[in-house]
């Protein structure tokens, strides 16, 4: 099994803070390091009020 390096908590907190500033809600982060073939180590997901709002949230993270 390939050992995955976990991103820094500072990076995860910055992403969450940015989503909060853009009024994202129901923000959750999931640790995927224990899943062998996951494409990421951490998965952050949140909700928005409209399609435009969700696009804005996505653009703010990228």
C-alpha atoms as a PDB file:
ATOM      1  CA  UNK A   1       0.000   0.000   0.000  1.00  0.00           C
ATOM      2  CA  UNK A   2       1.252   3.487  -0.866  1.00  0.00           C
ATOM      3  CA  UNK A   3       1.472   5.782   2.123  1.00  0.00           C
ATOM      4  CA  UNK A   4      -0.251   9.120   1.467  1.00  0.00           C
ATOM      5  CA  UNK A   5       1.039  12.366   2.884  1.00  0.00           C
ATOM      6  CA  UNK A   6      -1.644  14.314   4.696  1.00  0.00           C
ATOM      7  CA  UNK A   7      -1.964  18.010   3.753  1.00  0.00           C
ATOM      8  CA  UNK A   8      -1.165  20.458   6.502  1.00  0.00           C
ATOM      9  CA  UNK A   9      -3.978  21.450   8.858  1.00  0.00           C
ATOM     10  CA  UNK A  10      -3.124  25.063   7.980  1.00  0.00           C
ATOM     11  CA  UNK A  11      -4.064  24.429   4.323  1.00  0.00           C
ATOM     12  CA  UNK A  12      -7.312  22.690   5.259  1.00  0.00           C
ATOM     13  CA  UNK A  13      -8.241  25.503   7.668  1.00  0.00           C
ATOM     14  CA  UNK A  14      -7.497  28.100   4.967  1.00  0.00           C
ATOM     15  CA  UNK A  15      -9.810  26.326   2.525  1.00  0.00           C
ATOM     16  CA  UNK A  16     -12.588  26.095   5.124  1.00  0.00           C
ATOM     17  CA  UNK A  17     -12.143  29.733   6.148  1.00  0.00           C
ATOM     18  CA  UNK A  18     -12.323  30.820   2.496  1.00  0.00           C
ATOM     19  CA  UNK A  19     -15.570  28.887   2.008  1.00  0.00           C
ATOM     20  CA  UNK A  20     -17.009  30.457   5.167  1.00  0.00           C
ATOM     21  CA  UNK A  21     -16.074  33.938   3.903  1.00  0.00           C
ATOM     22  CA  UNK A  22     -18.004  33.216   0.686  1.00  0.00           C
ATOM     23  CA  UNK A  23     -21.007  32.161   2.821  1.00  0.00           C
ATOM     24  CA  UNK A  24     -20.715  28.437   2.154  1.00  0.00           C
ATOM     25  CA  UNK A  25     -22.546  26.291   4.697  1.00  0.00           C
ATOM     26  CA  UNK A  26     -22.612  22.673   5.913  1.00  0.00           C
ATOM     27  CA  UNK A  27     -18.832  22.563   5.377  1.00  0.00           C
ATOM     28  CA  UNK A  28     -17.335  19.142   6.029  1.00  0.00           C
ATOM     29  CA  UNK A  29     -13.832  17.765   5.537  1.00  0.00           C
ATOM     30  CA  UNK A  30     -13.152  14.052   5.263  1.00  0.00           C
ATOM     31  CA  UNK A  31      -9.856  12.251   5.732  1.00  0.00           C
ATOM     32  CA  UNK A  32      -9.430   9.762   2.871  1.00  0.00           C
ATOM     33  CA  UNK A  33      -5.894   8.616   3.684  1.00  0.00           C
ATOM     34  CA  UNK A  34      -7.174   5.204   4.831  1.00  0.00           C
ATOM     35  CA  UNK A  35      -8.828   4.520   1.438  1.00  0.00           C
ATOM     36  CA  UNK A  36      -6.264   2.746  -0.791  1.00  0.00           C
ATOM     37  CA  UNK A  37      -7.139   4.167  -4.229  1.00  0.00           C
ATOM     38  CA  UNK A  38      -8.650   7.531  -3.322  1.00  0.00           C
ATOM     39  CA  UNK A  39      -7.687  10.361  -5.675  1.00  0.00           C
ATOM     40  CA  UNK A  40      -7.155  12.745  -2.760  1.00  0.00           C
ATOM     41  CA  UNK A  41      -6.067  12.642   0.882  1.00  0.00           C
ATOM     42  CA  UNK A  42      -8.665  15.132   2.082  1.00  0.00           C
ATOM     43  CA  UNK A  43     -12.097  15.902   0.649  1.00  0.00           C
ATOM     44  CA  UNK A  44     -13.810  19.185   1.543  1.00  0.00           C
ATOM     45  CA  UNK A  45     -17.455  19.671   0.625  1.00  0.00           C
ATOM     46  CA  UNK A  46     -19.993  22.382   1.333  1.00  0.00           C
ATOM     47  CA  UNK A  47     -23.374  23.687   0.206  1.00  0.00           C
ATOM     48  CA  UNK A  48     -24.512  26.916  -1.387  1.00  0.00           C
ATOM     49  CA  UNK A  49     -27.831  28.660  -2.025  1.00  0.00           C
ATOM     50  CA  UNK A  50     -27.856  28.593  -5.834  1.00  0.00           C
ATOM     51  CA  UNK A  51     -25.914  27.366  -8.850  1.00  0.00           C
ATOM     52  CA  UNK A  52     -24.171  30.737  -9.093  1.00  0.00           C
ATOM     53  CA  UNK A  53     -23.251  30.635  -5.399  1.00  0.00           C
ATOM     54  CA  UNK A  54     -21.823  27.107  -5.704  1.00  0.00           C
ATOM     55  CA  UNK A  55     -19.778  28.129  -8.788  1.00  0.00           C
ATOM     56  CA  UNK A  56     -18.387  31.074  -6.793  1.00  0.00           C
ATOM     57  CA  UNK A  57     -17.459  28.744  -3.923  1.00  0.00           C
ATOM     58  CA  UNK A  58     -15.692  26.347  -6.304  1.00  0.00           C
ATOM     59  CA  UNK A  59     -13.807  29.181  -8.027  1.00  0.00           C
ATOM     60  CA  UNK A  60     -12.641  30.540  -4.662  1.00  0.00           C
ATOM     61  CA  UNK A  61     -10.981  27.225  -3.785  1.00  0.00           C
ATOM     62  CA  UNK A  62      -9.291  26.665  -7.135  1.00  0.00           C
END
